[in-house]
């Protein structure tokens, strides 16, 4: 994303923060003079950048306090661009809005409807300027990390039942995505793309 920004705006000052030292090292090798910091979302609140655009792609759903971080993004940039997964749809209404003590395969802590996503941004003091609900490309949506079928449950009757349910859901998600995107969004969810301002 920062490389794309650099190619479009060569004179722009670029800043990035990530938990992974490895990811920061890779980004530094590709971006040179960008200011890249290995740190947590808490450090984001200390940045007084006064930038044009703060960007968070598939970030908020992984954080314990996404409202606090969305608010910090609003202070970091005049505009805030966000990509937020909308996952609590017909098939997945059984998913709790917040996972506590259970690690989901996606690493997500929060699972939102579109209304939840809008409420989160309002709570953070962000005003939506433009938004779109759409699916990302198939190579991102149908990712092996999310749709793998190998057994992860004990070989007990309930474990076998859970494995069969997961396999059916994965295949239904693949089929609906490829053959009926509207049905797919209705059943499984999609993505909330947002441009907002504080």
N, C-alpha and C. Protein backbone atom coordinates (compact mmCIF):
# COMPACT_ATOMS: atom_id res chain seq x y z
N UNK A 1 0.83 -1.20 0.00
CA UNK A 1 0.00 0.00 0.00
C UNK A 1 0.87 1.26 0.00
N UNK A 2 1.92 1.25 0.83
CA UNK A 2 2.81 2.42 0.86
C UNK A 2 3.56 2.56 -0.46
N UNK A 3 3.91 1.44 -1.07
CA UNK A 3 4.55 1.51 -2.39
C UNK A 3 3.63 2.14 -3.42
N UNK A 4 2.35 1.80 -3.37
CA UNK A 4 1.38 2.39 -4.28
C UNK A 4 1.28 3.89 -4.03
N UNK A 5 1.27 4.29 -2.76
CA UNK A 5 1.22 5.71 -2.43
C UNK A 5 2.46 6.43 -2.94
N UNK A 6 3.62 5.79 -2.80
CA UNK A 6 4.88 6.39 -3.26
C UNK A 6 4.87 6.59 -4.77
N UNK A 7 4.34 5.60 -5.50
CA UNK A 7 4.33 5.72 -6.96
C UNK A 7 3.38 6.82 -7.43
N UNK A 8 2.29 7.05 -6.69
CA UNK A 8 1.33 8.08 -7.06
C UNK A 8 1.73 9.47 -6.55
N UNK A 9 2.39 9.50 -5.39
CA UNK A 9 2.77 10.77 -4.77
C UNK A 9 4.23 10.69 -4.33
N UNK A 10 5.17 10.84 -5.26
CA UNK A 10 6.59 10.63 -4.97
C UNK A 10 7.13 11.50 -3.83
N UNK A 11 6.58 12.68 -3.65
CA UNK A 11 7.09 13.57 -2.61
C UNK A 11 6.45 13.36 -1.24
N UNK A 12 5.48 12.46 -1.15
CA UNK A 12 4.76 12.25 0.11
C UNK A 12 5.67 11.66 1.18
N UNK A 13 5.46 12.09 2.42
CA UNK A 13 6.13 11.47 3.56
C UNK A 13 5.27 10.29 4.01
N UNK A 14 5.90 9.13 4.12
CA UNK A 14 5.18 7.91 4.44
C UNK A 14 5.54 7.43 5.84
N UNK A 15 4.52 6.98 6.58
CA UNK A 15 4.71 6.45 7.92
C UNK A 15 3.97 5.13 8.02
N UNK A 16 4.53 4.20 8.78
CA UNK A 16 3.86 2.92 8.97
C UNK A 16 4.20 2.32 10.32
N UNK A 17 3.27 1.55 10.86
CA UNK A 17 3.50 0.87 12.14
C UNK A 17 2.99 -0.55 12.03
N UNK A 18 3.74 -1.49 12.58
CA UNK A 18 3.35 -2.90 12.53
C UNK A 18 3.95 -3.61 13.74
N UNK A 19 3.26 -4.64 14.21
CA UNK A 19 3.75 -5.41 15.36
C UNK A 19 4.98 -6.25 15.03
N UNK A 20 5.13 -6.61 13.76
CA UNK A 20 6.16 -7.58 13.36
C UNK A 20 7.45 -6.89 12.92
N UNK A 21 8.54 -7.21 13.59
CA UNK A 21 9.84 -6.69 13.18
C UNK A 21 10.20 -7.16 11.77
N UNK A 22 9.82 -8.39 11.45
CA UNK A 22 10.12 -8.94 10.12
C UNK A 22 9.39 -8.13 9.04
N UNK A 23 8.12 -7.80 9.28
CA UNK A 23 7.38 -7.03 8.29
C UNK A 23 7.95 -5.62 8.14
N UNK A 24 8.36 -5.02 9.24
CA UNK A 24 8.96 -3.68 9.19
C UNK A 24 10.27 -3.73 8.42
N UNK A 25 11.08 -4.77 8.65
CA UNK A 25 12.36 -4.90 7.92
C UNK A 25 12.11 -5.06 6.43
N UNK A 26 11.11 -5.85 6.05
CA UNK A 26 10.78 -6.03 4.63
C UNK A 26 10.33 -4.70 4.02
N UNK A 27 9.50 -3.95 4.75
CA UNK A 27 9.00 -2.68 4.24
C UNK A 27 10.14 -1.66 4.11
N UNK A 28 11.06 -1.63 5.08
CA UNK A 28 12.19 -0.70 5.02
C UNK A 28 13.07 -1.00 3.80
N UNK A 29 13.23 -2.28 3.49
CA UNK A 29 14.04 -2.65 2.33
C UNK A 29 13.41 -2.16 1.03
N UNK A 30 12.09 -2.06 1.01
CA UNK A 30 11.39 -1.66 -0.21
C UNK A 30 11.11 -0.17 -0.29
N UNK A 31 11.05 0.50 0.88
CA UNK A 31 10.61 1.89 0.89
C UNK A 31 11.68 2.90 1.26
N UNK A 32 12.81 2.43 1.77
CA UNK A 32 13.93 3.33 2.02
C UNK A 32 13.64 4.39 3.06
N UNK A 33 13.24 5.58 2.62
CA UNK A 33 13.17 6.73 3.52
C UNK A 33 11.84 6.85 4.27
N UNK A 34 10.95 5.90 4.15
CA UNK A 34 9.70 5.95 4.92
C UNK A 34 10.00 5.76 6.41
N UNK A 35 9.20 6.38 7.27
CA UNK A 35 9.35 6.21 8.71
C UNK A 35 8.50 5.02 9.13
N UNK A 36 9.16 3.91 9.46
CA UNK A 36 8.47 2.67 9.78
C UNK A 36 8.86 2.23 11.19
N UNK A 37 7.86 1.97 12.01
CA UNK A 37 8.07 1.68 13.42
C UNK A 37 7.49 0.33 13.77
N UNK A 38 8.26 -0.45 14.51
CA UNK A 38 7.73 -1.70 15.05
C UNK A 38 7.09 -1.37 16.39
N UNK A 39 5.78 -1.52 16.45
CA UNK A 39 5.09 -1.18 17.69
C UNK A 39 3.64 -1.56 17.63
N UNK A 40 2.93 -1.25 18.72
CA UNK A 40 1.53 -1.64 18.86
C UNK A 40 0.62 -0.47 18.53
N UNK A 41 -0.67 -0.75 18.54
CA UNK A 41 -1.65 0.30 18.28
C UNK A 41 -1.60 1.39 19.35
N UNK A 42 -1.11 1.07 20.54
CA UNK A 42 -1.02 2.09 21.59
C UNK A 42 -0.05 3.20 21.21
N UNK A 43 1.02 2.85 20.48
CA UNK A 43 1.98 3.87 20.06
C UNK A 43 1.40 4.79 19.00
N UNK A 44 0.43 4.30 18.26
CA UNK A 44 -0.21 5.12 17.24
C UNK A 44 -0.81 6.38 17.85
N UNK A 45 -1.31 6.25 19.07
CA UNK A 45 -1.94 7.40 19.73
C UNK A 45 -0.94 8.51 20.02
N UNK A 46 0.34 8.16 20.13
CA UNK A 46 1.37 9.16 20.44
C UNK A 46 1.83 9.92 19.20
N UNK A 47 1.51 9.42 18.02
CA UNK A 47 1.96 10.08 16.79
C UNK A 47 1.13 11.33 16.54
N UNK A 48 1.80 12.44 16.35
CA UNK A 48 1.14 13.69 15.99
C UNK A 48 1.57 14.04 14.58
N UNK A 49 1.04 13.34 13.60
CA UNK A 49 1.54 13.44 12.23
C UNK A 49 0.92 14.59 11.46
N UNK A 50 -0.36 14.82 11.67
CA UNK A 50 -1.03 15.84 10.87
C UNK A 50 -0.98 15.51 9.39
N UNK A 51 -1.10 14.23 9.07
CA UNK A 51 -0.99 13.79 7.69
C UNK A 51 -2.27 13.98 6.90
N UNK A 52 -2.19 13.64 5.62
CA UNK A 52 -3.37 13.74 4.77
C UNK A 52 -4.27 12.53 4.91
N UNK A 53 -3.67 11.33 4.95
CA UNK A 53 -4.48 10.11 4.94
C UNK A 53 -3.92 9.09 5.92
N UNK A 54 -4.79 8.56 6.76
CA UNK A 54 -4.45 7.44 7.63
C UNK A 54 -5.17 6.21 7.09
N UNK A 55 -4.45 5.13 6.92
CA UNK A 55 -4.98 3.94 6.26
C UNK A 55 -4.88 2.73 7.18
N UNK A 56 -5.98 2.01 7.33
CA UNK A 56 -5.98 0.77 8.11
C UNK A 56 -6.77 -0.28 7.34
N UNK A 57 -6.09 -1.31 6.89
CA UNK A 57 -6.71 -2.37 6.09
C UNK A 57 -6.73 -3.66 6.90
N UNK A 58 -7.94 -4.14 7.21
CA UNK A 58 -8.10 -5.38 7.97
C UNK A 58 -7.32 -5.32 9.29
N UNK A 59 -7.53 -4.24 10.03
CA UNK A 59 -6.82 -4.03 11.28
C UNK A 59 -7.77 -4.03 12.48
N UNK A 60 -8.84 -3.26 12.41
CA UNK A 60 -9.67 -3.01 13.59
C UNK A 60 -10.24 -4.27 14.22
N UNK A 61 -10.57 -5.26 13.39
CA UNK A 61 -11.19 -6.48 13.92
C UNK A 61 -10.23 -7.33 14.74
N UNK A 62 -8.93 -7.00 14.68
CA UNK A 62 -7.92 -7.74 15.45
C UNK A 62 -7.60 -7.09 16.79
N UNK A 63 -8.16 -5.91 17.06
CA UNK A 63 -7.75 -5.12 18.21
C UNK A 63 -8.74 -5.21 19.35
N UNK A 64 -8.22 -5.17 20.57
CA UNK A 64 -9.07 -5.24 21.75
C UNK A 64 -9.99 -4.02 21.81
N UNK A 65 -9.46 -2.84 21.48
CA UNK A 65 -10.24 -1.60 21.55
C UNK A 65 -10.22 -0.90 20.20
N UNK A 66 -11.02 -1.36 19.24
CA UNK A 66 -10.99 -0.77 17.90
C UNK A 66 -11.49 0.67 17.86
N UNK A 67 -12.37 1.05 18.77
CA UNK A 67 -12.87 2.44 18.78
C UNK A 67 -11.73 3.40 19.11
N UNK A 68 -10.93 3.04 20.10
CA UNK A 68 -9.79 3.89 20.48
C UNK A 68 -8.83 4.07 19.32
N UNK A 69 -8.56 2.99 18.60
CA UNK A 69 -7.61 3.05 17.49
C UNK A 69 -8.20 3.83 16.31
N UNK A 70 -9.49 3.64 16.03
CA UNK A 70 -10.12 4.41 14.96
C UNK A 70 -10.08 5.90 15.27
N UNK A 71 -10.25 6.25 16.54
CA UNK A 71 -10.16 7.65 16.97
C UNK A 71 -8.74 8.18 16.75
N UNK A 72 -7.74 7.36 17.08
CA UNK A 72 -6.34 7.76 16.88
C UNK A 72 -6.04 7.96 15.40
N UNK A 73 -6.61 7.11 14.54
CA UNK A 73 -6.43 7.28 13.09
C UNK A 73 -7.02 8.61 12.63
N UNK A 74 -8.15 8.99 13.22
CA UNK A 74 -8.78 10.26 12.88
C UNK A 74 -7.92 11.45 13.26
N UNK A 75 -7.10 11.30 14.30
CA UNK A 75 -6.17 12.38 14.68
C UNK A 75 -4.92 12.36 13.82
N UNK A 76 -4.55 11.17 13.31
CA UNK A 76 -3.31 11.04 12.55
C UNK A 76 -3.44 11.57 11.12
N UNK A 77 -4.66 11.56 10.56
CA UNK A 77 -4.84 11.99 9.18
C UNK A 77 -6.09 12.81 8.98
N UNK A 78 -6.06 13.69 8.01
CA UNK A 78 -7.25 14.49 7.69
C UNK A 78 -8.37 13.59 7.20
N UNK A 79 -8.00 12.54 6.46
CA UNK A 79 -8.95 11.53 6.03
C UNK A 79 -8.50 10.18 6.55
N UNK A 80 -9.46 9.30 6.74
CA UNK A 80 -9.18 7.94 7.20
C UNK A 80 -9.80 6.97 6.20
N UNK A 81 -8.99 6.07 5.67
CA UNK A 81 -9.48 5.04 4.76
C UNK A 81 -9.40 3.70 5.49
N UNK A 82 -10.50 2.95 5.47
CA UNK A 82 -10.59 1.70 6.23
C UNK A 82 -11.17 0.58 5.37
N UNK A 83 -10.68 -0.62 5.63
CA UNK A 83 -11.28 -1.84 5.06
C UNK A 83 -11.65 -2.71 6.25
N UNK A 84 -12.96 -2.93 6.42
CA UNK A 84 -13.47 -3.64 7.60
C UNK A 84 -14.30 -4.83 7.14
N UNK A 85 -13.97 -6.04 7.58
CA UNK A 85 -14.77 -7.20 7.17
C UNK A 85 -16.15 -7.20 7.83
N UNK A 86 -17.16 -7.53 7.03
CA UNK A 86 -18.54 -7.66 7.52
C UNK A 86 -18.84 -9.16 7.52
N UNK A 87 -18.83 -9.76 8.70
CA UNK A 87 -18.86 -11.22 8.79
C UNK A 87 -20.10 -11.80 9.45
N UNK A 88 -20.82 -11.02 10.22
CA UNK A 88 -21.97 -11.57 10.94
C UNK A 88 -23.21 -11.48 10.04
N UNK A 89 -23.32 -12.41 9.11
CA UNK A 89 -24.46 -12.46 8.20
C UNK A 89 -25.27 -13.72 8.50
N UNK A 90 -26.11 -14.14 7.56
CA UNK A 90 -27.06 -15.22 7.81
C UNK A 90 -26.38 -16.48 8.33
N UNK A 91 -25.32 -16.91 7.65
CA UNK A 91 -24.66 -18.16 8.04
C UNK A 91 -23.92 -17.99 9.37
N UNK A 92 -23.43 -16.79 9.64
CA UNK A 92 -22.54 -16.62 10.78
C UNK A 92 -23.11 -15.76 11.89
N UNK A 93 -24.43 -15.69 11.96
CA UNK A 93 -25.02 -14.92 13.06
C UNK A 93 -24.75 -15.59 14.41
N UNK A 94 -24.39 -16.87 14.36
CA UNK A 94 -24.05 -17.57 15.59
C UNK A 94 -22.71 -17.16 16.16
N UNK A 95 -21.88 -16.47 15.35
CA UNK A 95 -20.60 -15.99 15.85
C UNK A 95 -20.85 -14.86 16.84
N UNK A 96 -20.22 -14.92 17.99
CA UNK A 96 -20.34 -13.82 18.94
C UNK A 96 -19.71 -12.57 18.35
N UNK A 97 -20.21 -11.41 18.76
CA UNK A 97 -19.63 -10.17 18.26
C UNK A 97 -18.18 -10.02 18.66
N UNK A 98 -17.84 -10.56 19.82
CA UNK A 98 -16.45 -10.51 20.27
C UNK A 98 -16.04 -11.86 20.81
N UNK A 99 -14.91 -12.36 20.34
CA UNK A 99 -14.38 -13.62 20.82
C UNK A 99 -13.61 -13.37 22.11
N UNK A 100 -13.86 -14.16 23.11
CA UNK A 100 -13.12 -14.03 24.37
C UNK A 100 -12.56 -15.39 24.73
N UNK A 101 -11.26 -15.48 24.76
CA UNK A 101 -10.59 -16.70 25.17
C UNK A 101 -10.55 -17.78 24.12
N UNK A 102 -11.11 -17.55 22.94
CA UNK A 102 -11.09 -18.55 21.87
C UNK A 102 -10.45 -17.91 20.65
N UNK A 103 -9.40 -18.53 20.12
CA UNK A 103 -8.71 -17.98 18.96
C UNK A 103 -9.42 -18.43 17.70
N UNK A 104 -9.93 -17.48 16.94
CA UNK A 104 -10.57 -17.78 15.66
C UNK A 104 -9.47 -17.98 14.62
N UNK A 105 -9.74 -18.81 13.61
CA UNK A 105 -8.73 -19.12 12.59
C UNK A 105 -8.23 -17.85 11.90
N UNK A 106 -9.07 -16.84 11.80
CA UNK A 106 -8.69 -15.60 11.13
C UNK A 106 -7.87 -14.69 12.03
N UNK A 107 -7.85 -14.97 13.33
CA UNK A 107 -7.20 -14.07 14.26
C UNK A 107 -8.08 -12.89 14.65
N UNK A 108 -9.32 -12.87 14.15
CA UNK A 108 -10.23 -11.77 14.47
C UNK A 108 -10.74 -11.91 15.90
N UNK A 109 -10.85 -10.77 16.56
CA UNK A 109 -11.46 -10.72 17.89
C UNK A 109 -12.92 -10.30 17.76
N UNK A 110 -13.19 -9.39 16.80
CA UNK A 110 -14.54 -8.86 16.60
C UNK A 110 -15.13 -9.36 15.28
N UNK A 111 -16.47 -9.53 15.28
CA UNK A 111 -17.20 -9.93 14.08
C UNK A 111 -18.40 -9.01 13.97
N UNK A 112 -18.46 -8.24 12.87
CA UNK A 112 -19.44 -7.16 12.77
C UNK A 112 -20.41 -7.32 11.62
N UNK A 113 -21.58 -6.74 11.81
CA UNK A 113 -22.51 -6.48 10.71
C UNK A 113 -22.14 -5.10 10.15
N UNK A 114 -22.79 -4.72 9.05
CA UNK A 114 -22.55 -3.38 8.49
C UNK A 114 -22.96 -2.31 9.50
N UNK A 115 -24.09 -2.53 10.17
CA UNK A 115 -24.54 -1.56 11.18
C UNK A 115 -23.53 -1.45 12.33
N UNK A 116 -22.94 -2.58 12.74
CA UNK A 116 -21.92 -2.55 13.79
C UNK A 116 -20.72 -1.71 13.35
N UNK A 117 -20.30 -1.90 12.10
CA UNK A 117 -19.15 -1.17 11.57
C UNK A 117 -19.42 0.34 11.58
N UNK A 118 -20.60 0.72 11.16
CA UNK A 118 -20.96 2.15 11.15
C UNK A 118 -21.02 2.71 12.57
N UNK A 119 -21.56 1.93 13.51
CA UNK A 119 -21.63 2.39 14.90
C UNK A 119 -20.23 2.56 15.50
N UNK A 120 -19.33 1.63 15.16
CA UNK A 120 -17.95 1.72 15.64
C UNK A 120 -17.31 3.04 15.20
N UNK A 121 -17.48 3.39 13.92
CA UNK A 121 -16.88 4.62 13.40
C UNK A 121 -17.50 5.85 14.03
N UNK A 122 -18.82 5.81 14.25
CA UNK A 122 -19.49 6.94 14.91
C UNK A 122 -18.99 7.09 16.34
N UNK A 123 -18.80 5.97 17.04
CA UNK A 123 -18.30 6.02 18.41
C UNK A 123 -16.90 6.59 18.48
N UNK A 124 -16.13 6.40 17.39
CA UNK A 124 -14.76 6.93 17.32
C UNK A 124 -14.73 8.39 16.89
N UNK A 125 -15.92 8.96 16.62
CA UNK A 125 -15.97 10.36 16.19
C UNK A 125 -15.64 10.55 14.73
N UNK A 126 -15.76 9.49 13.93
CA UNK A 126 -15.47 9.58 12.49
C UNK A 126 -16.78 9.73 11.71
N UNK A 127 -16.76 10.64 10.76
CA UNK A 127 -17.92 10.86 9.90
C UNK A 127 -17.64 10.25 8.53
N UNK A 128 -18.51 9.36 8.09
CA UNK A 128 -18.31 8.67 6.81
C UNK A 128 -18.59 9.64 5.67
N UNK A 129 -17.61 9.79 4.78
CA UNK A 129 -17.76 10.62 3.59
C UNK A 129 -18.23 9.79 2.41
N UNK A 130 -17.63 8.63 2.25
CA UNK A 130 -18.02 7.69 1.20
C UNK A 130 -17.86 6.28 1.73
N UNK A 131 -18.69 5.36 1.23
CA UNK A 131 -18.58 3.97 1.64
C UNK A 131 -19.08 3.07 0.54
N UNK A 132 -18.59 1.85 0.55
CA UNK A 132 -19.05 0.83 -0.39
C UNK A 132 -18.93 -0.52 0.28
N UNK A 133 -19.90 -1.36 0.05
CA UNK A 133 -19.84 -2.73 0.54
C UNK A 133 -19.62 -3.63 -0.66
N UNK A 134 -18.50 -4.33 -0.68
CA UNK A 134 -18.13 -5.14 -1.84
C UNK A 134 -17.24 -6.28 -1.40
N UNK A 135 -17.07 -7.24 -2.28
CA UNK A 135 -16.18 -8.37 -2.01
C UNK A 135 -14.79 -8.07 -2.52
N UNK A 136 -13.76 -8.47 -1.77
CA UNK A 136 -12.40 -8.39 -2.31
C UNK A 136 -12.22 -9.47 -3.38
N UNK A 137 -11.13 -9.43 -4.14
CA UNK A 137 -10.89 -10.46 -5.16
C UNK A 137 -10.88 -11.87 -4.56
N UNK A 138 -11.22 -12.85 -5.39
CA UNK A 138 -11.34 -14.23 -4.90
C UNK A 138 -10.05 -14.73 -4.27
N UNK A 139 -8.90 -14.34 -4.84
CA UNK A 139 -7.64 -14.85 -4.29
C UNK A 139 -7.40 -14.37 -2.87
N UNK A 140 -8.08 -13.27 -2.46
CA UNK A 140 -8.00 -12.82 -1.07
C UNK A 140 -9.12 -13.42 -0.24
N UNK A 141 -10.32 -13.50 -0.82
CA UNK A 141 -11.48 -13.97 -0.07
C UNK A 141 -11.38 -15.46 0.24
N UNK A 142 -11.08 -16.25 -0.78
CA UNK A 142 -10.99 -17.71 -0.59
C UNK A 142 -9.53 -18.06 -0.33
N UNK A 143 -9.09 -17.78 0.86
CA UNK A 143 -7.69 -17.95 1.23
C UNK A 143 -7.50 -19.28 1.96
N UNK A 144 -6.43 -20.01 1.66
CA UNK A 144 -6.23 -21.33 2.30
C UNK A 144 -6.25 -21.26 3.82
N UNK A 145 -5.79 -20.16 4.40
CA UNK A 145 -5.76 -20.06 5.86
C UNK A 145 -7.16 -20.07 6.45
N UNK A 146 -8.13 -19.60 5.68
CA UNK A 146 -9.51 -19.53 6.17
C UNK A 146 -10.30 -20.75 5.77
N UNK A 147 -10.02 -21.31 4.59
CA UNK A 147 -10.87 -22.36 4.04
C UNK A 147 -10.24 -23.75 4.09
N UNK A 148 -9.15 -23.91 4.83
CA UNK A 148 -8.53 -25.23 4.86
C UNK A 148 -9.49 -26.25 5.47
N UNK A 149 -9.39 -27.46 4.97
CA UNK A 149 -10.35 -28.49 5.37
C UNK A 149 -9.76 -29.57 6.26
N UNK A 150 -8.45 -29.49 6.56
CA UNK A 150 -7.89 -30.56 7.38
C UNK A 150 -8.53 -30.55 8.76
N UNK A 151 -8.67 -31.74 9.36
CA UNK A 151 -9.37 -31.82 10.65
C UNK A 151 -8.59 -31.08 11.74
N UNK A 152 -9.32 -30.28 12.52
CA UNK A 152 -8.70 -29.59 13.66
C UNK A 152 -9.40 -29.98 14.96
N UNK A 153 -10.38 -30.87 14.85
CA UNK A 153 -11.18 -31.21 16.02
C UNK A 153 -10.88 -32.64 16.45
N UNK A 154 -11.13 -32.96 17.71
CA UNK A 154 -10.87 -34.33 18.18
C UNK A 154 -11.76 -35.33 17.46
N UNK A 155 -11.28 -36.57 17.39
CA UNK A 155 -12.04 -37.62 16.70
C UNK A 155 -13.09 -38.19 17.63
N UNK A 156 -13.97 -37.32 18.05
CA UNK A 156 -15.12 -37.69 18.87
C UNK A 156 -16.36 -37.42 18.03
N UNK A 157 -17.53 -37.93 18.41
CA UNK A 157 -18.73 -37.66 17.62
C UNK A 157 -18.98 -36.16 17.39
N UNK A 158 -18.82 -35.35 18.46
CA UNK A 158 -19.07 -33.92 18.28
C UNK A 158 -17.97 -33.28 17.43
N UNK A 159 -16.72 -33.77 17.56
CA UNK A 159 -15.62 -33.25 16.76
C UNK A 159 -15.82 -33.56 15.28
N UNK A 160 -16.27 -34.78 14.98
CA UNK A 160 -16.53 -35.17 13.59
C UNK A 160 -17.68 -34.33 13.01
N UNK A 161 -18.70 -34.09 13.82
CA UNK A 161 -19.83 -33.27 13.37
C UNK A 161 -19.38 -31.83 13.08
N UNK A 162 -18.53 -31.28 13.95
CA UNK A 162 -18.03 -29.92 13.73
C UNK A 162 -17.18 -29.86 12.46
N UNK A 163 -16.36 -30.88 12.24
CA UNK A 163 -15.53 -30.92 11.03
C UNK A 163 -16.38 -30.98 9.76
N UNK A 164 -17.44 -31.79 9.79
CA UNK A 164 -18.32 -31.90 8.63
C UNK A 164 -19.05 -30.59 8.38
N UNK A 165 -19.49 -29.94 9.45
CA UNK A 165 -20.16 -28.64 9.31
C UNK A 165 -19.22 -27.61 8.70
N UNK A 166 -17.97 -27.59 9.16
CA UNK A 166 -16.98 -26.64 8.62
C UNK A 166 -16.74 -26.90 7.14
N UNK A 167 -16.59 -28.17 6.77
CA UNK A 167 -16.35 -28.51 5.36
C UNK A 167 -17.51 -28.07 4.48
N UNK A 168 -18.74 -28.27 4.94
CA UNK A 168 -19.91 -27.85 4.16
C UNK A 168 -19.94 -26.33 4.03
N UNK A 169 -19.63 -25.62 5.11
CA UNK A 169 -19.65 -24.16 5.06
C UNK A 169 -18.60 -23.62 4.10
N UNK A 170 -17.40 -24.23 4.13
CA UNK A 170 -16.33 -23.80 3.22
C UNK A 170 -16.75 -23.98 1.77
N UNK A 171 -17.30 -25.14 1.44
CA UNK A 171 -17.70 -25.39 0.06
C UNK A 171 -18.87 -24.50 -0.36
N UNK A 172 -19.80 -24.25 0.55
CA UNK A 172 -20.91 -23.36 0.24
C UNK A 172 -20.41 -21.93 0.02
N UNK A 173 -19.43 -21.51 0.81
CA UNK A 173 -18.86 -20.17 0.63
C UNK A 173 -18.18 -20.06 -0.73
N UNK A 174 -17.40 -21.07 -1.10
CA UNK A 174 -16.73 -21.05 -2.40
C UNK A 174 -17.74 -21.02 -3.55
N UNK A 175 -18.75 -21.88 -3.45
CA UNK A 175 -19.73 -21.99 -4.53
C UNK A 175 -20.52 -20.69 -4.67
N UNK A 176 -21.00 -20.13 -3.56
CA UNK A 176 -21.81 -18.92 -3.64
C UNK A 176 -20.98 -17.74 -4.13
N UNK A 177 -19.71 -17.67 -3.72
CA UNK A 177 -18.86 -16.57 -4.17
C UNK A 177 -18.69 -16.60 -5.69
N UNK A 178 -18.47 -17.81 -6.22
CA UNK A 178 -18.18 -17.95 -7.66
C UNK A 178 -19.42 -17.82 -8.53
N UNK A 179 -20.59 -18.22 -8.01
CA UNK A 179 -21.76 -18.32 -8.87
C UNK A 179 -22.87 -17.31 -8.55
N UNK A 180 -22.86 -16.74 -7.34
CA UNK A 180 -23.89 -15.77 -7.00
C UNK A 180 -23.36 -14.80 -5.94
N UNK A 181 -22.60 -13.78 -6.38
CA UNK A 181 -22.02 -12.85 -5.40
C UNK A 181 -23.04 -12.20 -4.48
N UNK A 182 -24.23 -11.89 -5.00
CA UNK A 182 -25.25 -11.26 -4.15
C UNK A 182 -25.68 -12.21 -3.03
N UNK A 183 -25.92 -13.47 -3.38
CA UNK A 183 -26.28 -14.47 -2.38
C UNK A 183 -25.13 -14.65 -1.39
N UNK A 184 -23.93 -14.65 -1.91
CA UNK A 184 -22.74 -14.81 -1.06
C UNK A 184 -22.67 -13.70 -0.01
N UNK A 185 -22.85 -12.45 -0.43
CA UNK A 185 -22.79 -11.34 0.52
C UNK A 185 -23.90 -11.45 1.56
N UNK A 186 -25.08 -11.87 1.12
CA UNK A 186 -26.22 -11.99 2.03
C UNK A 186 -25.98 -13.09 3.07
N UNK A 187 -25.35 -14.18 2.64
CA UNK A 187 -25.14 -15.32 3.53
C UNK A 187 -23.90 -15.18 4.40
N UNK A 188 -22.80 -14.75 3.78
CA UNK A 188 -21.51 -14.81 4.47
C UNK A 188 -20.93 -13.45 4.85
N UNK A 189 -21.38 -12.39 4.21
CA UNK A 189 -20.80 -11.10 4.50
C UNK A 189 -19.93 -10.61 3.36
N UNK A 190 -19.24 -9.53 3.58
CA UNK A 190 -18.42 -8.92 2.55
C UNK A 190 -17.44 -7.98 3.23
N UNK A 191 -17.19 -6.83 2.62
CA UNK A 191 -16.22 -5.90 3.16
C UNK A 191 -16.77 -4.48 3.10
N UNK A 192 -16.55 -3.74 4.16
CA UNK A 192 -16.97 -2.34 4.25
C UNK A 192 -15.76 -1.46 3.95
N UNK A 193 -15.77 -0.82 2.80
CA UNK A 193 -14.71 0.12 2.43
C UNK A 193 -15.21 1.52 2.78
N UNK A 194 -14.41 2.27 3.52
CA UNK A 194 -14.86 3.54 4.07
C UNK A 194 -13.81 4.62 3.87
N UNK A 195 -14.27 5.82 3.49
CA UNK A 195 -13.46 7.04 3.59
C UNK A 195 -14.18 7.93 4.58
N UNK A 196 -13.47 8.32 5.64
CA UNK A 196 -14.09 9.09 6.72
C UNK A 196 -13.19 10.25 7.14
N UNK A 197 -13.74 11.10 7.97
CA UNK A 197 -12.98 12.21 8.54
C UNK A 197 -13.44 12.42 9.97
N UNK A 198 -12.53 12.99 10.78
CA UNK A 198 -12.88 13.24 12.18
C UNK A 198 -13.71 14.51 12.32
